[in-house]
Amino acid sequence: MACVARLSRLTLVSQKRSLSADFMSDLELIFEVREDEIDGGYTPRALGCSIFTEAETLEELRKNVREAVDCHFDESMPAPRIIRLHFVRDEVLTR
């Protein structure tokens, strides 16, 4: 009986997380930002949307991301209230 109660609690917890993830996705848009180590500059890509842009500096990155989001979400679509920039850095180690 304890297993069933535990399983029910786990199901409720995962349902709550799923609902809150869906709700947060409406309010927040996350960009994965990669820095080009060779040429410099940044390439941000939105997760879950087809929004891409490029920038040479961090200031330009923030401006271009806001403009790209504004272009993607017109007045008929609800736009995210928060735009998160997630900087990804790849590092290769050799032995």
C-alpha atoms as a PDB file:
ATOM      1  CA  MET A   1       0.000   0.000   0.000  1.00  0.00           C
ATOM      2  CA  ALA A   2       2.888   2.368   0.750  1.00  0.00           C
ATOM      3  CA  CYS A   3       4.205   1.854  -2.788  1.00  0.00           C
ATOM      4  CA  VAL A   4       0.880   2.905  -4.296  1.00  0.00           C
ATOM      5  CA  ALA A   5       0.707   6.059  -2.153  1.00  0.00           C
ATOM      6  CA  ARG A   6       4.309   6.875  -3.045  1.00  0.00           C
ATOM      7  CA  LEU A   7       3.653   6.343  -6.742  1.00  0.00           C
ATOM      8  CA  SER A   8       0.583   8.600  -6.560  1.00  0.00           C
ATOM      9  CA  ARG A   9       2.638  11.343  -4.938  1.00  0.00           C
ATOM     10  CA  LEU A  10       5.315  11.007  -7.610  1.00  0.00           C
ATOM     11  CA  THR A  11       2.670  11.231 -10.323  1.00  0.00           C
ATOM     12  CA  LEU A  12       1.209  14.377  -8.759  1.00  0.00           C
ATOM     13  CA  VAL A  13       4.645  15.954  -8.417  1.00  0.00           C
ATOM     14  CA  SER A  14       5.541  15.259 -12.059  1.00  0.00           C
ATOM     15  CA  GLN A  15       2.152  16.574 -13.209  1.00  0.00           C
ATOM     16  CA  LYS A  16       2.732  19.781 -11.223  1.00  0.00           C
ATOM     17  CA  ARG A  17       6.212  20.163 -12.720  1.00  0.00           C
ATOM     18  CA  SER A  18       4.831  19.597 -16.202  1.00  0.00           C
ATOM     19  CA  LEU A  19       2.115  22.206 -15.678  1.00  0.00           C
ATOM     20  CA  SER A  20       4.529  24.726 -14.222  1.00  0.00           C
ATOM     21  CA  ALA A  21       6.995  24.106 -17.086  1.00  0.00           C
ATOM     22  CA  ASP A  22       4.216  24.763 -19.617  1.00  0.00           C
ATOM     23  CA  PHE A  23       3.180  27.897 -17.734  1.00  0.00           C
ATOM     24  CA  MET A  24       6.757  29.182 -17.481  1.00  0.00           C
ATOM     25  CA  SER A  25       7.358  28.618 -21.174  1.00  0.00           C
ATOM     26  CA  ASP A  26       4.586  31.112 -21.889  1.00  0.00           C
ATOM     27  CA  LEU A  27       6.227  33.720 -19.690  1.00  0.00           C
ATOM     28  CA  GLU A  28       9.884  33.040 -20.402  1.00  0.00           C
ATOM     29  CA  LEU A  29      11.916  32.520 -23.561  1.00  0.00           C
ATOM     30  CA  ILE A  30      15.384  31.038 -23.228  1.00  0.00           C
ATOM     31  CA  PHE A  31      18.170  31.708 -25.703  1.00  0.00           C
ATOM     32  CA  GLU A  32      21.212  29.485 -25.955  1.00  0.00           C
ATOM     33  CA  VAL A  33      24.108  31.847 -26.670  1.00  0.00           C
ATOM     34  CA  ARG A  34      27.363  30.574 -28.160  1.00  0.00           C
ATOM     35  CA  GLU A  35      30.459  32.690 -28.490  1.00  0.00           C
ATOM     36  CA  ASP A  36      32.553  32.272 -31.625  1.00  0.00           C
ATOM     37  CA  GLU A  37      36.081  31.852 -30.281  1.00  0.00           C
ATOM     38  CA  ILE A  38      37.753  32.241 -33.676  1.00  0.00           C
ATOM     39  CA  ASP A  39      35.952  35.221 -35.221  1.00  0.00           C
ATOM     40  CA  GLY A  40      34.428  36.692 -32.057  1.00  0.00           C
ATOM     41  CA  GLY A  41      30.800  37.645 -31.642  1.00  0.00           C
ATOM     42  CA  TYR A  42      27.754  35.784 -30.374  1.00  0.00           C
ATOM     43  CA  THR A  43      25.083  33.556 -31.907  1.00  0.00           C
ATOM     44  CA  PRO A  44      21.894  33.264 -29.822  1.00  0.00           C
ATOM     45  CA  ARG A  45      19.159  30.701 -30.642  1.00  0.00           C
ATOM     46  CA  ALA A  46      15.789  30.514 -28.928  1.00  0.00           C
ATOM     47  CA  LEU A  47      14.836  27.146 -27.477  1.00  0.00           C
ATOM     48  CA  GLY A  48      11.454  26.023 -28.772  1.00  0.00           C
ATOM     49  CA  CYS A  49      11.067  28.843 -31.316  1.00  0.00           C
ATOM     50  CA  SER A  50      12.694  29.628 -34.635  1.00  0.00           C
ATOM     51  CA  ILE A  51      14.400  32.816 -33.498  1.00  0.00           C
ATOM     52  CA  PHE A  52      18.058  33.384 -34.375  1.00  0.00           C
ATOM     53  CA  THR A  53      20.301  36.429 -34.520  1.00  0.00           C
ATOM     54  CA  GLU A  54      23.956  37.465 -34.332  1.00  0.00           C
ATOM     55  CA  ALA A  55      25.925  40.138 -32.493  1.00  0.00           C
ATOM     56  CA  GLU A  56      29.488  41.347 -32.062  1.00  0.00           C
ATOM     57  CA  THR A  57      29.200  42.674 -28.487  1.00  0.00           C
ATOM     58  CA  LEU A  58      27.108  41.899 -25.415  1.00  0.00           C
ATOM     59  CA  GLU A  59      25.274  45.208 -25.754  1.00  0.00           C
ATOM     60  CA  GLU A  60      24.434  44.449 -29.391  1.00  0.00           C
ATOM     61  CA  LEU A  61      23.438  40.905 -28.388  1.00  0.00           C
ATOM     62  CA  ARG A  62      20.821  42.160 -25.919  1.00  0.00           C
ATOM     63  CA  LYS A  63      19.463  44.683 -28.439  1.00  0.00           C
ATOM     64  CA  ASN A  64      19.301  42.153 -31.300  1.00  0.00           C
ATOM     65  CA  VAL A  65      17.623  39.497 -29.160  1.00  0.00           C
ATOM     66  CA  ARG A  66      14.902  41.948 -28.069  1.00  0.00           C
ATOM     67  CA  GLU A  67      14.336  43.019 -31.689  1.00  0.00           C
ATOM     68  CA  ALA A  68      14.188  39.410 -32.905  1.00  0.00           C
ATOM     69  CA  VAL A  69      11.645  38.502 -30.210  1.00  0.00           C
ATOM     70  CA  ASP A  70       9.534  41.565 -31.069  1.00  0.00           C
ATOM     71  CA  CYS A  71       9.561  40.582 -34.748  1.00  0.00           C
ATOM     72  CA  HIS A  72       8.617  36.972 -34.002  1.00  0.00           C
ATOM     73  CA  PHE A  73       5.726  37.727 -31.626  1.00  0.00           C
ATOM     74  CA  ASP A  74       3.297  40.153 -33.232  1.00  0.00           C
ATOM     75  CA  GLU A  75       0.266  41.719 -31.517  1.00  0.00           C
ATOM     76  CA  SER A  76      -1.888  38.618 -32.098  1.00  0.00           C
ATOM     77  CA  MET A  77       0.527  36.332 -30.205  1.00  0.00           C
ATOM     78  CA  PRO A  78       1.317  36.483 -26.490  1.00  0.00           C
ATOM     79  CA  ALA A  79       4.971  37.461 -26.102  1.00  0.00           C
ATOM     80  CA  PRO A  80       7.165  36.162 -23.283  1.00  0.00           C
ATOM     81  CA  ARG A  81       7.670  38.546 -20.404  1.00  0.00           C
ATOM     82  CA  ILE A  82      11.161  37.288 -19.594  1.00  0.00           C
ATOM     83  CA  ILE A  83      14.004  36.627 -22.023  1.00  0.00           C
ATOM     84  CA  ARG A  84      16.819  34.568 -20.536  1.00  0.00           C
ATOM     85  CA  LEU A  85      20.262  34.378 -22.136  1.00  0.00           C
ATOM     86  CA  HIS A  86      21.993  31.084 -21.371  1.00  0.00           C
ATOM     87  CA  PHE A  87      25.669  31.269 -22.317  1.00  0.00           C
ATOM     88  CA  VAL A  88      27.111  27.933 -23.453  1.00  0.00           C
ATOM     89  CA  ARG A  89      30.822  27.364 -23.527  1.00  0.00           C
ATOM     90  CA  ASP A  90      32.382  24.323 -25.122  1.00  0.00           C
ATOM     91  CA  GLU A  91      35.792  23.357 -23.889  1.00  0.00           C
ATOM     92  CA  VAL A  92      37.843  20.546 -25.375  1.00  0.00           C
ATOM     93  CA  LEU A  93      40.478  18.810 -23.317  1.00  0.00           C
ATOM     94  CA  THR A  94      43.131  16.542 -24.781  1.00  0.00           C
ATOM     95  CA  ARG A  95      45.396  14.054 -23.082  1.00  0.00           C
END
